[in-house]
């Protein structure tokens, strides 16, 4: 039986608001590794935390290096984000500016 955590593993705030599953090793690499289907590969985090991870790192970066919470927290950008979000209410959500700018670049 999988243990249900009471806190988001990234920001350490209480669970609440919108929670999403994050695959520590991206699903797009499922042909290269079997552990993408492993239940230990998926964590439940706040939507805003999930968006920040994907706005900060490419899928390849996530697969190659940032595939644990500890490694994600090594990033200076993630550390700044965690410090900032820790002061926000659980239901706070603001689309990342980085995500919007990436979407605009993809449309070009």
PDB file of N, CA and C in Angstrom:
ATOM      1  N   UNK A   1       0.845  -1.179   0.000  1.00  0.00           N
ATOM      2  CA  UNK A   1       0.000   0.000   0.000  1.00  0.00           C
ATOM      3  C   UNK A   1       0.892   1.245   0.000  1.00  0.00           C
ATOM      4  N   UNK A   2       0.544   2.209  -0.873  1.00  0.00           N
ATOM      5  CA  UNK A   2       1.315   3.441  -0.999  1.00  0.00           C
ATOM      6  C   UNK A   2       0.952   4.400   0.128  1.00  0.00           C
ATOM      7  N   UNK A   3       1.970   4.937   0.795  1.00  0.00           N
ATOM      8  CA  UNK A   3       1.758   5.886   1.876  1.00  0.00           C
ATOM      9  C   UNK A   3       1.326   7.228   1.296  1.00  0.00           C
ATOM     10  N   UNK A   4       0.280   7.817   1.821  1.00  0.00           N
ATOM     11  CA  UNK A   4      -0.202   9.117   1.369  1.00  0.00           C
ATOM     12  C   UNK A   4       0.438  10.195   2.235  1.00  0.00           C
ATOM     13  N   UNK A   5       1.166  11.068   1.584  1.00  0.00           N
ATOM     14  CA  UNK A   5       1.841  12.149   2.295  1.00  0.00           C
ATOM     15  C   UNK A   5       0.849  13.277   2.588  1.00  0.00           C
ATOM     16  N   UNK A   6       1.072  13.982   3.691  1.00  0.00           N
ATOM     17  CA  UNK A   6       0.214  15.108   4.053  1.00  0.00           C
ATOM     18  C   UNK A   6       0.766  16.435   3.555  1.00  0.00           C
ATOM     19  N   UNK A   7       1.960  16.393   2.981  1.00  0.00           N
ATOM     20  CA  UNK A   7       2.590  17.615   2.485  1.00  0.00           C
ATOM     21  C   UNK A   7       3.112  17.405   1.078  1.00  0.00           C
ATOM     22  N   UNK A   8       3.133  18.480   0.328  1.00  0.00           N
ATOM     23  CA  UNK A   8       3.722  18.456  -1.009  1.00  0.00           C
ATOM     24  C   UNK A   8       5.225  18.214  -0.850  1.00  0.00           C
ATOM     25  N   UNK A   9       5.773  17.228  -1.539  1.00  0.00           N
ATOM     26  CA  UNK A   9       7.195  16.950  -1.379  1.00  0.00           C
ATOM     27  C   UNK A   9       8.113  18.069  -1.882  1.00  0.00           C
ATOM     28  N   UNK A  10       7.613  18.928  -2.755  1.00  0.00           N
ATOM     29  CA  UNK A  10       8.466  19.994  -3.277  1.00  0.00           C
ATOM     30  C   UNK A  10       8.473  21.211  -2.356  1.00  0.00           C
ATOM     31  N   UNK A  11       7.292  21.733  -2.035  1.00  0.00           N
ATOM     32  CA  UNK A  11       7.231  22.986  -1.262  1.00  0.00           C
ATOM     33  C   UNK A  11       7.004  22.769   0.236  1.00  0.00           C
ATOM     34  N   UNK A  12       6.677  21.552   0.627  1.00  0.00           N
ATOM     35  CA  UNK A  12       6.431  21.178   2.033  1.00  0.00           C
ATOM     36  C   UNK A  12       5.213  21.844   2.647  1.00  0.00           C
ATOM     37  N   UNK A  13       4.333  22.428   1.802  1.00  0.00           N
ATOM     38  CA  UNK A  13       3.078  22.968   2.335  1.00  0.00           C
ATOM     39  C   UNK A  13       2.077  21.823   2.438  1.00  0.00           C
ATOM     40  N   UNK A  14       1.062  22.011   3.252  1.00  0.00           N
ATOM     41  CA  UNK A  14       0.019  20.995   3.411  1.00  0.00           C
ATOM     42  C   UNK A  14      -0.636  20.707   2.063  1.00  0.00           C
ATOM     43  N   UNK A  15      -1.076  19.471   1.885  1.00  0.00           N
ATOM     44  CA  UNK A  15      -1.840  19.131   0.684  1.00  0.00           C
ATOM     45  C   UNK A  15      -3.139  19.917   0.705  1.00  0.00           C
ATOM     46  N   UNK A  16      -3.560  20.335  -0.432  1.00  0.00           N
ATOM     47  CA  UNK A  16      -4.782  21.115  -0.564  1.00  0.00           C
ATOM     48  C   UNK A  16      -4.750  21.851  -1.883  1.00  0.00           C
ATOM     49  N   UNK A  17      -5.829  22.501  -2.201  1.00  0.00           N
ATOM     50  CA  UNK A  17      -5.883  23.140  -3.503  1.00  0.00           C
ATOM     51  C   UNK A  17      -5.880  22.070  -4.572  1.00  0.00           C
ATOM     52  N   UNK A  18      -5.361  22.389  -5.731  1.00  0.00           N
ATOM     53  CA  UNK A  18      -5.324  21.430  -6.836  1.00  0.00           C
ATOM     54  C   UNK A  18      -4.006  20.666  -6.773  1.00  0.00           C
ATOM     55  N   UNK A  19      -4.111  19.343  -6.670  1.00  0.00           N
ATOM     56  CA  UNK A  19      -2.934  18.475  -6.643  1.00  0.00           C
ATOM     57  C   UNK A  19      -2.848  17.737  -7.981  1.00  0.00           C
ATOM     58  N   UNK A  20      -1.629  17.506  -8.443  1.00  0.00           N
ATOM     59  CA  UNK A  20      -1.406  16.782  -9.702  1.00  0.00           C
ATOM     60  C   UNK A  20      -0.312  15.746  -9.497  1.00  0.00           C
ATOM     61  N   UNK A  21      -0.347  14.713 -10.323  1.00  0.00           N
ATOM     62  CA  UNK A  21       0.710  13.716 -10.308  1.00  0.00           C
ATOM     63  C   UNK A  21       1.856  14.202 -11.184  1.00  0.00           C
ATOM     64  N   UNK A  22       3.066  14.040 -10.674  1.00  0.00           N
ATOM     65  CA  UNK A  22       4.266  14.372 -11.443  1.00  0.00           C
ATOM     66  C   UNK A  22       5.091  13.106 -11.572  1.00  0.00           C
ATOM     67  N   UNK A  23       5.465  12.768 -12.795  1.00  0.00           N
ATOM     68  CA  UNK A  23       6.340  11.623 -13.039  1.00  0.00           C
ATOM     69  C   UNK A  23       7.779  12.097 -12.906  1.00  0.00           C
ATOM     70  N   UNK A  24       8.492  11.540 -11.951  1.00  0.00           N
ATOM     71  CA  UNK A  24       9.872  11.955 -11.734  1.00  0.00           C
ATOM     72  C   UNK A  24      10.737  11.683 -12.964  1.00  0.00           C
ATOM     73  N   UNK A  25      10.486  10.570 -13.625  1.00  0.00           N
ATOM     74  CA  UNK A  25      11.120  10.299 -14.931  1.00  0.00           C
ATOM     75  C   UNK A  25      10.005  10.437 -15.959  1.00  0.00           C
ATOM     76  N   UNK A  26      10.109  11.397 -16.868  1.00  0.00           N
ATOM     77  CA  UNK A  26       9.020  11.688 -17.808  1.00  0.00           C
ATOM     78  C   UNK A  26       8.530  10.469 -18.583  1.00  0.00           C
ATOM     79  N   UNK A  27       7.205  10.437 -18.806  1.00  0.00           N
ATOM     80  CA  UNK A  27       6.573   9.335 -19.531  1.00  0.00           C
ATOM     81  C   UNK A  27       7.054   9.249 -20.969  1.00  0.00           C
ATOM     82  N   UNK A  28       7.493  10.349 -21.545  1.00  0.00           N
ATOM     83  CA  UNK A  28       7.901  10.326 -22.951  1.00  0.00           C
ATOM     84  C   UNK A  28       9.121   9.440 -23.190  1.00  0.00           C
ATOM     85  N   UNK A  29       9.822   9.068 -22.121  1.00  0.00           N
ATOM     86  CA  UNK A  29      10.993   8.211 -22.236  1.00  0.00           C
ATOM     87  C   UNK A  29      10.671   6.764 -21.881  1.00  0.00           C
ATOM     88  N   UNK A  30       9.404   6.387 -21.941  1.00  0.00           N
ATOM     89  CA  UNK A  30       8.999   5.053 -21.512  1.00  0.00           C
ATOM     90  C   UNK A  30       9.665   3.935 -22.298  1.00  0.00           C
ATOM     91  N   UNK A  31      10.090   4.203 -23.514  1.00  0.00           N
ATOM     92  CA  UNK A  31      10.762   3.155 -24.282  1.00  0.00           C
ATOM     93  C   UNK A  31      12.217   2.990 -23.850  1.00  0.00           C
ATOM     94  N   UNK A  32      12.746   3.985 -23.189  1.00  0.00           N
ATOM     95  CA  UNK A  32      14.154   3.928 -22.770  1.00  0.00           C
ATOM     96  C   UNK A  32      14.332   3.384 -21.361  1.00  0.00           C
ATOM     97  N   UNK A  33      13.277   3.329 -20.589  1.00  0.00           N
ATOM     98  CA  UNK A  33      13.399   2.851 -19.217  1.00  0.00           C
ATOM     99  C   UNK A  33      12.086   2.235 -18.750  1.00  0.00           C
ATOM    100  N   UNK A  34      12.193   1.253 -17.911  1.00  0.00           N
ATOM    101  CA  UNK A  34      10.988   0.609 -17.385  1.00  0.00           C
ATOM    102  C   UNK A  34      10.452   1.318 -16.152  1.00  0.00           C
ATOM    103  N   UNK A  35      11.297   2.091 -15.476  1.00  0.00           N
ATOM    104  CA  UNK A  35      10.871   2.657 -14.202  1.00  0.00           C
ATOM    105  C   UNK A  35       9.889   3.817 -14.341  1.00  0.00           C
ATOM    106  N   UNK A  36       9.559   4.257 -15.558  1.00  0.00           N
ATOM    107  CA  UNK A  36       8.542   5.298 -15.698  1.00  0.00           C
ATOM    108  C   UNK A  36       7.173   4.773 -15.289  1.00  0.00           C
ATOM    109  N   UNK A  37       7.000   3.458 -15.312  1.00  0.00           N
ATOM    110  CA  UNK A  37       5.729   2.863 -14.903  1.00  0.00           C
ATOM    111  C   UNK A  37       5.737   2.442 -13.440  1.00  0.00           C
ATOM    112  N   UNK A  38       6.857   2.558 -12.790  1.00  0.00           N
ATOM    113  CA  UNK A  38       6.995   2.202 -11.386  1.00  0.00           C
ATOM    114  C   UNK A  38       6.177   3.181 -10.542  1.00  0.00           C
ATOM    115  N   UNK A  39       5.430   2.674  -9.570  1.00  0.00           N
ATOM    116  CA  UNK A  39       4.593   3.544  -8.729  1.00  0.00           C
ATOM    117  C   UNK A  39       5.436   4.521  -7.922  1.00  0.00           C
ATOM    118  N   UNK A  40       6.704   4.217  -7.678  1.00  0.00           N
ATOM    119  CA  UNK A  40       7.587   5.141  -6.962  1.00  0.00           C
ATOM    120  C   UNK A  40       8.041   6.292  -7.850  1.00  0.00           C
ATOM    121  N   UNK A  41       7.746   6.216  -9.134  1.00  0.00           N
ATOM    122  CA  UNK A  41       8.121   7.251 -10.078  1.00  0.00           C
ATOM    123  C   UNK A  41       7.145   8.426 -10.065  1.00  0.00           C
ATOM    124  N   UNK A  42       5.972   8.249  -9.452  1.00  0.00           N
ATOM    125  CA  UNK A  42       4.929   9.272  -9.493  1.00  0.00           C
ATOM    126  C   UNK A  42       4.708   9.851  -8.096  1.00  0.00           C
ATOM    127  N   UNK A  43       4.661  11.180  -8.025  1.00  0.00           N
ATOM    128  CA  UNK A  43       4.387  11.862  -6.761  1.00  0.00           C
ATOM    129  C   UNK A  43       3.231  12.832  -6.964  1.00  0.00           C
ATOM    130  N   UNK A  44       2.529  13.125  -5.903  1.00  0.00           N
ATOM    131  CA  UNK A  44       1.430  14.082  -5.941  1.00  0.00           C
ATOM    132  C   UNK A  44       1.928  15.410  -5.372  1.00  0.00           C
ATOM    133  N   UNK A  45       1.838  16.459  -6.208  1.00  0.00           N
ATOM    134  CA  UNK A  45       2.303  17.783  -5.799  1.00  0.00           C
ATOM    135  C   UNK A  45       1.262  18.829  -6.185  1.00  0.00           C
ATOM    136  N   UNK A  46       1.389  20.036  -5.605  1.00  0.00           N
ATOM    137  CA  UNK A  46       0.487  21.128  -5.968  1.00  0.00           C
ATOM    138  C   UNK A  46       0.624  21.451  -7.450  1.00  0.00           C
ATOM    139  N   UNK A  47      -0.457  21.884  -8.059  1.00  0.00           N
ATOM    140  CA  UNK A  47      -0.459  22.230  -9.481  1.00  0.00           C
ATOM    141  C   UNK A  47       0.594  23.294  -9.783  1.00  0.00           C
ATOM    142  N   UNK A  48       0.693  24.294  -8.946  1.00  0.00           N
ATOM    143  CA  UNK A  48       1.647  25.373  -9.193  1.00  0.00           C
ATOM    144  C   UNK A  48       3.085  24.871  -9.097  1.00  0.00           C
ATOM    145  N   UNK A  49       3.336  23.911  -8.207  1.00  0.00           N
ATOM    146  CA  UNK A  49       4.675  23.319  -8.092  1.00  0.00           C
ATOM    147  C   UNK A  49       4.984  22.503  -9.347  1.00  0.00           C
ATOM    148  N   UNK A  50       3.995  21.768  -9.815  1.00  0.00           N
ATOM    149  CA  UNK A  50       4.150  20.966 -11.027  1.00  0.00           C
ATOM    150  C   UNK A  50       4.452  21.863 -12.225  1.00  0.00           C
ATOM    151  N   UNK A  51       3.703  22.949 -12.349  1.00  0.00           N
ATOM    152  CA  UNK A  51       3.928  23.886 -13.454  1.00  0.00           C
ATOM    153  C   UNK A  51       5.332  24.482 -13.392  1.00  0.00           C
ATOM    154  N   UNK A  52       5.802  24.795 -12.198  1.00  0.00           N
ATOM    155  CA  UNK A  52       7.136  25.392 -12.051  1.00  0.00           C
ATOM    156  C   UNK A  52       8.218  24.418 -12.491  1.00  0.00           C
ATOM    157  N   UNK A  53       8.073  23.155 -12.134  1.00  0.00           N
ATOM    158  CA  UNK A  53       9.057  22.152 -12.549  1.00  0.00           C
ATOM    159  C   UNK A  53       9.153  22.113 -14.070  1.00  0.00           C
ATOM    160  N   UNK A  54       7.998  22.048 -14.737  1.00  0.00           N
ATOM    161  CA  UNK A  54       8.006  21.933 -16.200  1.00  0.00           C
ATOM    162  C   UNK A  54       8.350  23.248 -16.900  1.00  0.00           C
ATOM    163  N   UNK A  55       8.163  24.364 -16.223  1.00  0.00           N
ATOM    164  CA  UNK A  55       8.578  25.651 -16.788  1.00  0.00           C
ATOM    165  C   UNK A  55      10.086  25.845 -16.654  1.00  0.00           C
ATOM    166  N   UNK A  56      10.693  25.165 -15.700  1.00  0.00           N
ATOM    167  CA  UNK A  56      12.115  25.334 -15.410  1.00  0.00           C
ATOM    168  C   UNK A  56      12.993  24.350 -16.163  1.00  0.00           C
ATOM    169  N   UNK A  57      12.541  23.103 -16.264  1.00  0.00           N
ATOM    170  CA  UNK A  57      13.375  22.045 -16.838  1.00  0.00           C
ATOM    171  C   UNK A  57      12.748  21.440 -18.082  1.00  0.00           C
ATOM    172  N   UNK A  58      13.597  21.039 -19.001  1.00  0.00           N
ATOM    173  CA  UNK A  58      13.114  20.295 -20.164  1.00  0.00           C
ATOM    174  C   UNK A  58      12.849  18.848 -19.735  1.00  0.00           C
ATOM    175  N   UNK A  59      12.126  18.108 -20.570  1.00  0.00           N
ATOM    176  CA  UNK A  59      11.865  16.695 -20.279  1.00  0.00           C
ATOM    177  C   UNK A  59      13.190  15.927 -20.201  1.00  0.00           C
ATOM    178  N   UNK A  60      14.127  16.285 -21.059  1.00  0.00           N
ATOM    179  CA  UNK A  60      15.432  15.617 -21.052  1.00  0.00           C
ATOM    180  C   UNK A  60      16.177  15.905 -19.755  1.00  0.00           C
ATOM    181  N   UNK A  61      16.152  17.159 -19.289  1.00  0.00           N
ATOM    182  CA  UNK A  61      16.786  17.499 -18.006  1.00  0.00           C
ATOM    183  C   UNK A  61      16.174  16.687 -16.870  1.00  0.00           C
ATOM    184  N   UNK A  62      14.847  16.570 -16.893  1.00  0.00           N
ATOM    185  CA  UNK A  62      14.159  15.807 -15.848  1.00  0.00           C
ATOM    186  C   UNK A  62      14.564  14.342 -15.892  1.00  0.00           C
ATOM    187  N   UNK A  63      14.667  13.798 -17.092  1.00  0.00           N
ATOM    188  CA  UNK A  63      15.041  12.394 -17.235  1.00  0.00           C
ATOM    189  C   UNK A  63      16.497  12.161 -16.838  1.00  0.00           C
ATOM    190  N   UNK A  64      17.394  13.034 -17.312  1.00  0.00           N
ATOM    191  CA  UNK A  64      18.825  12.833 -17.103  1.00  0.00           C
ATOM    192  C   UNK A  64      19.295  13.127 -15.683  1.00  0.00           C
ATOM    193  N   UNK A  65      18.734  14.157 -15.043  1.00  0.00           N
ATOM    194  CA  UNK A  65      19.282  14.543 -13.738  1.00  0.00           C
ATOM    195  C   UNK A  65      18.226  14.852 -12.672  1.00  0.00           C
ATOM    196  N   UNK A  66      17.243  15.621 -13.003  1.00  0.00           N
ATOM    197  CA  UNK A  66      16.296  16.118 -11.991  1.00  0.00           C
ATOM    198  C   UNK A  66      15.132  15.150 -11.763  1.00  0.00           C
ATOM    199  N   UNK A  67      15.429  13.894 -11.471  1.00  0.00           N
ATOM    200  CA  UNK A  67      14.392  12.882 -11.310  1.00  0.00           C
ATOM    201  C   UNK A  67      14.188  12.455  -9.859  1.00  0.00           C
ATOM    202  N   UNK A  68      14.643  13.283  -8.920  1.00  0.00           N
ATOM    203  CA  UNK A  68      14.333  13.085  -7.501  1.00  0.00           C
ATOM    204  C   UNK A  68      13.987  14.452  -6.901  1.00  0.00           C
ATOM    205  N   UNK A  69      13.252  14.434  -5.814  1.00  0.00           N
ATOM    206  CA  UNK A  69      12.920  15.698  -5.126  1.00  0.00           C
ATOM    207  C   UNK A  69      14.203  16.388  -4.676  1.00  0.00           C
ATOM    208  N   UNK A  70      15.138  15.625  -4.166  1.00  0.00           N
ATOM    209  CA  UNK A  70      16.393  16.205  -3.683  1.00  0.00           C
ATOM    210  C   UNK A  70      17.118  16.962  -4.794  1.00  0.00           C
ATOM    211  N   UNK A  71      17.158  16.366  -5.970  1.00  0.00           N
ATOM    212  CA  UNK A  71      17.843  17.019  -7.092  1.00  0.00           C
ATOM    213  C   UNK A  71      17.063  18.227  -7.590  1.00  0.00           C
ATOM    214  N   UNK A  72      15.744  18.146  -7.604  1.00  0.00           N
ATOM    215  CA  UNK A  72      14.948  19.313  -7.981  1.00  0.00           C
ATOM    216  C   UNK A  72      15.242  20.474  -7.035  1.00  0.00           C
ATOM    217  N   UNK A  73      15.356  20.162  -5.748  1.00  0.00           N
ATOM    218  CA  UNK A  73      15.592  21.206  -4.748  1.00  0.00           C
ATOM    219  C   UNK A  73      17.019  21.753  -4.776  1.00  0.00           C
ATOM    220  N   UNK A  74      17.917  21.124  -5.522  1.00  0.00           N
ATOM    221  CA  UNK A  74      19.269  21.668  -5.698  1.00  0.00           C
ATOM    222  C   UNK A  74      19.246  22.904  -6.582  1.00  0.00           C
ATOM    223  N   UNK A  75      18.250  23.012  -7.440  1.00  0.00           N
ATOM    224  CA  UNK A  75      18.167  24.113  -8.398  1.00  0.00           C
ATOM    225  C   UNK A  75      17.883  25.430  -7.677  1.00  0.00           C
ATOM    226  N   UNK A  76      18.646  26.440  -8.023  1.00  0.00           N
ATOM    227  CA  UNK A  76      18.458  27.766  -7.426  1.00  0.00           C
ATOM    228  C   UNK A  76      17.067  28.327  -7.759  1.00  0.00           C
ATOM    229  N   UNK A  77      16.600  28.092  -8.989  1.00  0.00           N
ATOM    230  CA  UNK A  77      15.267  28.576  -9.378  1.00  0.00           C
ATOM    231  C   UNK A  77      14.174  27.919  -8.535  1.00  0.00           C
ATOM    232  N   UNK A  78      14.301  26.629  -8.300  1.00  0.00           N
ATOM    233  CA  UNK A  78      13.306  25.914  -7.490  1.00  0.00           C
ATOM    234  C   UNK A  78      13.391  26.370  -6.036  1.00  0.00           C
ATOM    235  N   UNK A  79      14.580  26.585  -5.538  1.00  0.00           N
ATOM    236  CA  UNK A  79      14.736  27.074  -4.161  1.00  0.00           C
ATOM    237  C   UNK A  79      14.057  28.433  -3.981  1.00  0.00           C
ATOM    238  N   UNK A  80      14.250  29.336  -4.944  1.00  0.00           N
ATOM    239  CA  UNK A  80      13.602  30.660  -4.881  1.00  0.00           C
ATOM    240  C   UNK A  80      12.082  30.511  -4.949  1.00  0.00           C
ATOM    241  N   UNK A  81      11.622  29.624  -5.832  1.00  0.00           N
ATOM    242  CA  UNK A  81      10.192  29.384  -5.960  1.00  0.00           C
ATOM    243  C   UNK A  81       9.603  28.851  -4.655  1.00  0.00           C
ATOM    244  N   UNK A  82      10.257  27.875  -4.038  1.00  0.00           N
ATOM    245  CA  UNK A  82       9.764  27.279  -2.787  1.00  0.00           C
ATOM    246  C   UNK A  82       9.691  28.341  -1.691  1.00  0.00           C
ATOM    247  N   UNK A  83      10.686  29.189  -1.621  1.00  0.00           N
ATOM    248  CA  UNK A  83      10.679  30.275  -0.626  1.00  0.00           C
ATOM    249  C   UNK A  83       9.497  31.214  -0.879  1.00  0.00           C
ATOM    250  N   UNK A  84       9.250  31.538  -2.147  1.00  0.00           N
ATOM    251  CA  UNK A  84       8.162  32.448  -2.515  1.00  0.00           C
ATOM    252  C   UNK A  84       6.792  31.811  -2.265  1.00  0.00           C
ATOM    253  N   UNK A  85       6.607  30.570  -2.714  1.00  0.00           N
ATOM    254  CA  UNK A  85       5.291  29.930  -2.627  1.00  0.00           C
ATOM    255  C   UNK A  85       4.936  29.570  -1.188  1.00  0.00           C
ATOM    256  N   UNK A  86       5.921  29.412  -0.343  1.00  0.00           N
ATOM    257  CA  UNK A  86       5.642  29.029   1.051  1.00  0.00           C
ATOM    258  C   UNK A  86       4.804  30.081   1.779  1.00  0.00           C
ATOM    259  N   UNK A  87       4.783  31.301   1.251  1.00  0.00           N
ATOM    260  CA  UNK A  87       4.013  32.391   1.874  1.00  0.00           C
ATOM    261  C   UNK A  87       2.619  32.545   1.270  1.00  0.00           C
ATOM    262  N   UNK A  88       2.289  31.716   0.284  1.00  0.00           N
ATOM    263  CA  UNK A  88       1.000  31.818  -0.409  1.00  0.00           C
ATOM    264  C   UNK A  88      -0.001  30.820   0.163  1.00  0.00           C
ATOM    265  N   UNK A  89      -1.307  31.138   0.040  1.00  0.00           N
ATOM    266  CA  UNK A  89      -2.326  30.175   0.482  1.00  0.00           C
ATOM    267  C   UNK A  89      -2.320  28.933  -0.406  1.00  0.00           C
ATOM    268  N   UNK A  90      -2.832  27.826   0.127  1.00  0.00           N
ATOM    269  CA  UNK A  90      -2.812  26.550  -0.593  1.00  0.00           C
ATOM    270  C   UNK A  90      -3.516  26.607  -1.940  1.00  0.00           C
ATOM    271  N   UNK A  91      -4.564  27.416  -2.046  1.00  0.00           N
ATOM    272  CA  UNK A  91      -5.308  27.462  -3.306  1.00  0.00           C
ATOM    273  C   UNK A  91      -4.772  28.515  -4.276  1.00  0.00           C
ATOM    274  N   UNK A  92      -3.649  29.156  -3.952  1.00  0.00           N
ATOM    275  CA  UNK A  92      -3.059  30.158  -4.828  1.00  0.00           C
ATOM    276  C   UNK A  92      -2.546  29.491  -6.091  1.00  0.00           C
ATOM    277  N   UNK A  93      -2.850  30.101  -7.236  1.00  0.00           N
ATOM    278  CA  UNK A  93      -2.328  29.599  -8.502  1.00  0.00           C
ATOM    279  C   UNK A  93      -2.146  30.761  -9.458  1.00  0.00           C
ATOM    280  N   UNK A  94      -0.956  30.901  -9.995  1.00  0.00           N
ATOM    281  CA  UNK A  94      -0.654  31.940 -10.974  1.00  0.00           C
ATOM    282  C   UNK A  94       0.187  31.293 -12.052  1.00  0.00           C
ATOM    283  N   UNK A  95      -0.324  31.281 -13.299  1.00  0.00           N
ATOM    284  CA  UNK A  95       0.447  30.649 -14.375  1.00  0.00           C
ATOM    285  C   UNK A  95       1.825  31.296 -14.452  1.00  0.00           C
ATOM    286  N   UNK A  96       2.808  30.477 -14.607  1.00  0.00           N
ATOM    287  CA  UNK A  96       4.184  30.935 -14.682  1.00  0.00           C
ATOM    288  C   UNK A  96       4.416  31.770 -15.936  1.00  0.00           C
ATOM    289  N   UNK A  97       5.094  32.874 -15.781  1.00  0.00           N
ATOM    290  CA  UNK A  97       5.453  33.719 -16.921  1.00  0.00           C
ATOM    291  C   UNK A  97       6.345  32.925 -17.862  1.00  0.00           C
ATOM    292  N   UNK A  98       7.229  32.102 -17.283  1.00  0.00           N
ATOM    293  CA  UNK A  98       8.120  31.294 -18.110  1.00  0.00           C
ATOM    294  C   UNK A  98       7.324  30.334 -18.987  1.00  0.00           C
ATOM    295  N   UNK A  99       6.260  29.772 -18.457  1.00  0.00           N
ATOM    296  CA  UNK A  99       5.433  28.850 -19.226  1.00  0.00           C
ATOM    297  C   UNK A  99       4.786  29.586 -20.392  1.00  0.00           C
ATOM    298  N   UNK A 100       4.253  30.777 -20.142  1.00  0.00           N
ATOM    299  CA  UNK A 100       3.628  31.553 -21.216  1.00  0.00           C
ATOM    300  C   UNK A 100       4.632  31.900 -22.299  1.00  0.00           C
ATOM    301  N   UNK A 101       5.843  32.288 -21.899  1.00  0.00           N
ATOM    302  CA  UNK A 101       6.836  32.671 -22.902  1.00  0.00           C
ATOM    303  C   UNK A 101       7.273  31.456 -23.721  1.00  0.00           C
ATOM    304  N   UNK A 102       7.367  30.288 -23.099  1.00  0.00           N
ATOM    305  CA  UNK A 102       7.708  29.073 -23.840  1.00  0.00           C
ATOM    306  C   UNK A 102       6.614  28.738 -24.850  1.00  0.00           C
ATOM    307  N   UNK A 103       5.362  28.901 -24.461  1.00  0.00           N
ATOM    308  CA  UNK A 103       4.257  28.609 -25.371  1.00  0.00           C
ATOM    309  C   UNK A 103       4.315  29.539 -26.582  1.00  0.00           C
ATOM    310  N   UNK A 104       4.609  30.828 -26.349  1.00  0.00           N
ATOM    311  CA  UNK A 104       4.698  31.766 -27.467  1.00  0.00           C
ATOM    312  C   UNK A 104       5.822  31.371 -28.416  1.00  0.00           C
ATOM    313  N   UNK A 105       6.951  30.940 -27.883  1.00  0.00           N
ATOM    314  CA  UNK A 105       8.079  30.535 -28.724  1.00  0.00           C
ATOM    315  C   UNK A 105       7.727  29.310 -29.554  1.00  0.00           C
ATOM    316  N   UNK A 106       6.962  28.372 -28.973  1.00  0.00           N
ATOM    317  CA  UNK A 106       6.585  27.165 -29.704  1.00  0.00           C
ATOM    318  C   UNK A 106       5.647  27.473 -30.850  1.00  0.00           C
ATOM    319  N   UNK A 107       4.832  28.518 -30.718  1.00  0.00           N
ATOM    320  CA  UNK A 107       3.857  28.873 -31.754  1.00  0.00           C
ATOM    321  C   UNK A 107       4.522  29.515 -32.961  1.00  0.00           C
ATOM    322  N   UNK A 108       5.716  30.038 -32.791  1.00  0.00           N
ATOM    323  CA  UNK A 108       6.412  30.730 -33.892  1.00  0.00           C
ATOM    324  C   UNK A 108       6.930  29.766 -34.909  1.00  0.00           C
TER     325      UNK A 108
END
